[in-house]
Amino acid sequence: MGEIFLNDKSVFPDDELVFSIIGDKELLWKQAFTCLFGNHKDITVQWK
């Protein structure tokens, strides 16, 4: 797979795309969001 640039604001990157980019860092990604959502109830996810 070639380089992927997330510069199209109309395309929301789903988990499959994100995980294909970050590879073996998937577990870290999931743990980070679990921690954020667990400790900060007011966080929302928004693609910008």
PDB file of N, CA and C in Angstrom:
ATOM      1  N   MET A   1       0.850  -1.177   0.000  1.00  0.00           N
ATOM      2  CA  MET A   1       0.000   0.000   0.000  1.00  0.00           C
ATOM      3  C   MET A   1       0.892   1.235   0.000  1.00  0.00           C
ATOM      4  N   GLY A   2       0.557   2.217  -0.806  1.00  0.00           N
ATOM      5  CA  GLY A   2       1.340   3.439  -0.871  1.00  0.00           C
ATOM      6  C   GLY A   2       1.030   4.356   0.290  1.00  0.00           C
ATOM      7  N   GLU A   3       1.580   5.532   0.243  1.00  0.00           N
ATOM      8  CA  GLU A   3       1.332   6.497   1.317  1.00  0.00           C
ATOM      9  C   GLU A   3      -0.129   6.920   1.325  1.00  0.00           C
ATOM     10  N   ILE A   4      -0.650   7.098   2.526  1.00  0.00           N
ATOM     11  CA  ILE A   4      -2.034   7.527   2.685  1.00  0.00           C
ATOM     12  C   ILE A   4      -2.032   8.891   3.346  1.00  0.00           C
ATOM     13  N   PHE A   5      -2.718   9.825   2.742  1.00  0.00           N
ATOM     14  CA  PHE A   5      -2.831  11.162   3.309  1.00  0.00           C
ATOM     15  C   PHE A   5      -4.282  11.398   3.685  1.00  0.00           C
ATOM     16  N   LEU A   6      -4.513  11.741   4.933  1.00  0.00           N
ATOM     17  CA  LEU A   6      -5.875  11.979   5.416  1.00  0.00           C
ATOM     18  C   LEU A   6      -6.199  13.464   5.275  1.00  0.00           C
ATOM     19  N   ASN A   7      -6.207  13.923   4.046  1.00  0.00           N
ATOM     20  CA  ASN A   7      -6.437  15.344   3.819  1.00  0.00           C
ATOM     21  C   ASN A   7      -7.771  15.643   3.155  1.00  0.00           C
ATOM     22  N   ASP A   8      -8.598  14.629   2.931  1.00  0.00           N
ATOM     23  CA  ASP A   8      -9.926  14.833   2.363  1.00  0.00           C
ATOM     24  C   ASP A   8     -10.915  14.925   3.517  1.00  0.00           C
ATOM     25  N   LYS A   9     -11.343  16.148   3.823  1.00  0.00           N
ATOM     26  CA  LYS A   9     -12.219  16.373   4.987  1.00  0.00           C
ATOM     27  C   LYS A   9     -13.582  15.694   4.854  1.00  0.00           C
ATOM     28  N   SER A  10     -13.956  15.317   3.643  1.00  0.00           N
ATOM     29  CA  SER A  10     -15.259  14.681   3.454  1.00  0.00           C
ATOM     30  C   SER A  10     -15.213  13.181   3.719  1.00  0.00           C
ATOM     31  N   VAL A  11     -14.012  12.610   3.889  1.00  0.00           N
ATOM     32  CA  VAL A  11     -13.867  11.175   4.120  1.00  0.00           C
ATOM     33  C   VAL A  11     -13.475  10.942   5.567  1.00  0.00           C
ATOM     34  N   PHE A  12     -14.385  10.322   6.327  1.00  0.00           N
ATOM     35  CA  PHE A  12     -14.111   9.995   7.723  1.00  0.00           C
ATOM     36  C   PHE A  12     -13.300   8.710   7.767  1.00  0.00           C
ATOM     37  N   PRO A  13     -12.129   8.728   8.406  1.00  0.00           N
ATOM     38  CA  PRO A  13     -11.313   7.515   8.466  1.00  0.00           C
ATOM     39  C   PRO A  13     -11.886   6.515   9.473  1.00  0.00           C
ATOM     40  N   ASP A  14     -12.348   5.372   8.985  1.00  0.00           N
ATOM     41  CA  ASP A  14     -12.895   4.359   9.886  1.00  0.00           C
ATOM     42  C   ASP A  14     -11.751   3.570  10.534  1.00  0.00           C
ATOM     43  N   ASP A  15     -12.107   2.694  11.464  1.00  0.00           N
ATOM     44  CA  ASP A  15     -11.095   1.916  12.189  1.00  0.00           C
ATOM     45  C   ASP A  15     -10.201   1.125  11.233  1.00  0.00           C
ATOM     46  N   GLU A  16     -10.790   0.545  10.216  1.00  0.00           N
ATOM     47  CA  GLU A  16     -10.012  -0.266   9.274  1.00  0.00           C
ATOM     48  C   GLU A  16      -8.902   0.558   8.621  1.00  0.00           C
ATOM     49  N   LEU A  17      -9.216   1.768   8.194  1.00  0.00           N
ATOM     50  CA  LEU A  17      -8.218   2.638   7.568  1.00  0.00           C
ATOM     51  C   LEU A  17      -7.154   3.060   8.576  1.00  0.00           C
ATOM     52  N   VAL A  18      -7.585   3.486   9.751  1.00  0.00           N
ATOM     53  CA  VAL A  18      -6.634   3.921  10.785  1.00  0.00           C
ATOM     54  C   VAL A  18      -5.686   2.786  11.143  1.00  0.00           C
ATOM     55  N   PHE A  19      -6.225   1.589  11.358  1.00  0.00           N
ATOM     56  CA  PHE A  19      -5.388   0.457  11.756  1.00  0.00           C
ATOM     57  C   PHE A  19      -4.456   0.017  10.627  1.00  0.00           C
ATOM     58  N   SER A  20      -4.875   0.216   9.382  1.00  0.00           N
ATOM     59  CA  SER A  20      -3.982  -0.127   8.274  1.00  0.00           C
ATOM     60  C   SER A  20      -2.795   0.835   8.213  1.00  0.00           C
ATOM     61  N   ILE A  21      -2.967   2.032   8.744  1.00  0.00           N
ATOM     62  CA  ILE A  21      -1.894   3.023   8.751  1.00  0.00           C
ATOM     63  C   ILE A  21      -0.972   2.820   9.946  1.00  0.00           C
ATOM     64  N   ILE A  22      -1.565   2.598  11.132  1.00  0.00           N
ATOM     65  CA  ILE A  22      -0.734   2.535  12.338  1.00  0.00           C
ATOM     66  C   ILE A  22      -0.181   1.138  12.629  1.00  0.00           C
ATOM     67  N   GLY A  23      -0.678   0.135  11.919  1.00  0.00           N
ATOM     68  CA  GLY A  23      -0.121  -1.218  12.022  1.00  0.00           C
ATOM     69  C   GLY A  23      -0.152  -1.786  13.424  1.00  0.00           C
ATOM     70  N   ASP A  24       1.031  -2.148  13.935  1.00  0.00           N
ATOM     71  CA  ASP A  24       1.103  -2.831  15.229  1.00  0.00           C
ATOM     72  C   ASP A  24       0.851  -1.913  16.414  1.00  0.00           C
ATOM     73  N   LYS A  25       0.532  -0.670  16.174  1.00  0.00           N
ATOM     74  CA  LYS A  25       0.208   0.280  17.248  1.00  0.00           C
ATOM     75  C   LYS A  25      -1.292   0.294  17.563  1.00  0.00           C
ATOM     76  N   GLU A  26      -2.044  -0.633  16.950  1.00  0.00           N
ATOM     77  CA  GLU A  26      -3.497  -0.683  17.143  1.00  0.00           C
ATOM     78  C   GLU A  26      -3.877  -0.814  18.615  1.00  0.00           C
ATOM     79  N   LEU A  27      -3.210  -1.685  19.349  1.00  0.00           N
ATOM     80  CA  LEU A  27      -3.529  -1.887  20.768  1.00  0.00           C
ATOM     81  C   LEU A  27      -3.313  -0.592  21.552  1.00  0.00           C
ATOM     82  N   LEU A  28      -2.229   0.100  21.275  1.00  0.00           N
ATOM     83  CA  LEU A  28      -1.949   1.365  21.944  1.00  0.00           C
ATOM     84  C   LEU A  28      -3.046   2.388  21.653  1.00  0.00           C
ATOM     85  N   TRP A  29      -3.483   2.452  20.403  1.00  0.00           N
ATOM     86  CA  TRP A  29      -4.554   3.356  19.967  1.00  0.00           C
ATOM     87  C   TRP A  29      -5.830   3.079  20.771  1.00  0.00           C
ATOM     88  N   LYS A  30      -6.188   1.815  20.856  1.00  0.00           N
ATOM     89  CA  LYS A  30      -7.408   1.429  21.581  1.00  0.00           C
ATOM     90  C   LYS A  30      -7.286   1.744  23.070  1.00  0.00           C
ATOM     91  N   GLN A  31      -6.124   1.482  23.653  1.00  0.00           N
ATOM     92  CA  GLN A  31      -5.912   1.768  25.067  1.00  0.00           C
ATOM     93  C   GLN A  31      -5.980   3.270  25.344  1.00  0.00           C
ATOM     94  N   ALA A  32      -5.439   4.077  24.448  1.00  0.00           N
ATOM     95  CA  ALA A  32      -5.467   5.528  24.628  1.00  0.00           C
ATOM     96  C   ALA A  32      -6.908   6.036  24.649  1.00  0.00           C
ATOM     97  N   PHE A  33      -7.719   5.563  23.709  1.00  0.00           N
ATOM     98  CA  PHE A  33      -9.111   6.010  23.672  1.00  0.00           C
ATOM     99  C   PHE A  33      -9.910   5.478  24.853  1.00  0.00           C
ATOM    100  N   THR A  34      -9.637   4.268  25.295  1.00  0.00           N
ATOM    101  CA  THR A  34     -10.306   3.718  26.472  1.00  0.00           C
ATOM    102  C   THR A  34     -10.006   4.591  27.690  1.00  0.00           C
ATOM    103  N   CYS A  35      -8.762   4.974  27.833  1.00  0.00           N
ATOM    104  CA  CYS A  35      -8.350   5.824  28.951  1.00  0.00           C
ATOM    105  C   CYS A  35      -9.019   7.200  28.861  1.00  0.00           C
ATOM    106  N   LEU A  36      -8.967   7.797  27.683  1.00  0.00           N
ATOM    107  CA  LEU A  36      -9.574   9.125  27.502  1.00  0.00           C
ATOM    108  C   LEU A  36     -11.067   9.110  27.810  1.00  0.00           C
ATOM    109  N   PHE A  37     -11.786   8.165  27.196  1.00  0.00           N
ATOM    110  CA  PHE A  37     -13.230   8.101  27.401  1.00  0.00           C
ATOM    111  C   PHE A  37     -13.584   7.708  28.831  1.00  0.00           C
ATOM    112  N   GLY A  38     -12.742   6.914  29.473  1.00  0.00           N
ATOM    113  CA  GLY A  38     -12.988   6.490  30.845  1.00  0.00           C
ATOM    114  C   GLY A  38     -12.788   7.606  31.854  1.00  0.00           C
ATOM    115  N   ASN A  39     -11.873   8.510  31.559  1.00  0.00           N
ATOM    116  CA  ASN A  39     -11.531   9.573  32.507  1.00  0.00           C
ATOM    117  C   ASN A  39     -12.129  10.940  32.171  1.00  0.00           C
ATOM    118  N   HIS A  40     -12.617  11.087  30.966  1.00  0.00           N
ATOM    119  CA  HIS A  40     -13.152  12.386  30.531  1.00  0.00           C
ATOM    120  C   HIS A  40     -14.455  12.153  29.770  1.00  0.00           C
ATOM    121  N   LYS A  41     -15.539  12.189  30.492  1.00  0.00           N
ATOM    122  CA  LYS A  41     -16.849  11.855  29.924  1.00  0.00           C
ATOM    123  C   LYS A  41     -17.324  12.863  28.870  1.00  0.00           C
ATOM    124  N   ASP A  42     -16.750  14.063  28.848  1.00  0.00           N
ATOM    125  CA  ASP A  42     -17.202  15.107  27.934  1.00  0.00           C
ATOM    126  C   ASP A  42     -16.483  15.098  26.582  1.00  0.00           C
ATOM    127  N   ILE A  43     -15.613  14.126  26.336  1.00  0.00           N
ATOM    128  CA  ILE A  43     -14.876  14.053  25.071  1.00  0.00           C
ATOM    129  C   ILE A  43     -15.798  13.557  23.972  1.00  0.00           C
ATOM    130  N   THR A  44     -15.713  14.189  22.819  1.00  0.00           N
ATOM    131  CA  THR A  44     -16.426  13.737  21.637  1.00  0.00           C
ATOM    132  C   THR A  44     -15.418  13.515  20.510  1.00  0.00           C
ATOM    133  N   VAL A  45     -15.756  12.633  19.596  1.00  0.00           N
ATOM    134  CA  VAL A  45     -14.885  12.333  18.472  1.00  0.00           C
ATOM    135  C   VAL A  45     -15.417  13.075  17.251  1.00  0.00           C
ATOM    136  N   GLN A  46     -14.528  13.821  16.624  1.00  0.00           N
ATOM    137  CA  GLN A  46     -14.924  14.604  15.455  1.00  0.00           C
ATOM    138  C   GLN A  46     -13.755  14.649  14.486  1.00  0.00           C
ATOM    139  N   TRP A  47     -14.015  14.348  13.225  1.00  0.00           N
ATOM    140  CA  TRP A  47     -12.991  14.401  12.184  1.00  0.00           C
ATOM    141  C   TRP A  47     -12.889  15.831  11.669  1.00  0.00           C
ATOM    142  N   LYS A  48     -11.685  16.376  11.743  1.00  0.00           N
ATOM    143  CA  LYS A  48     -11.459  17.752  11.259  1.00  0.00           C
ATOM    144  C   LYS A  48     -10.375  17.748  10.245  1.00  0.00           C
TER     145      LYS A  48
END
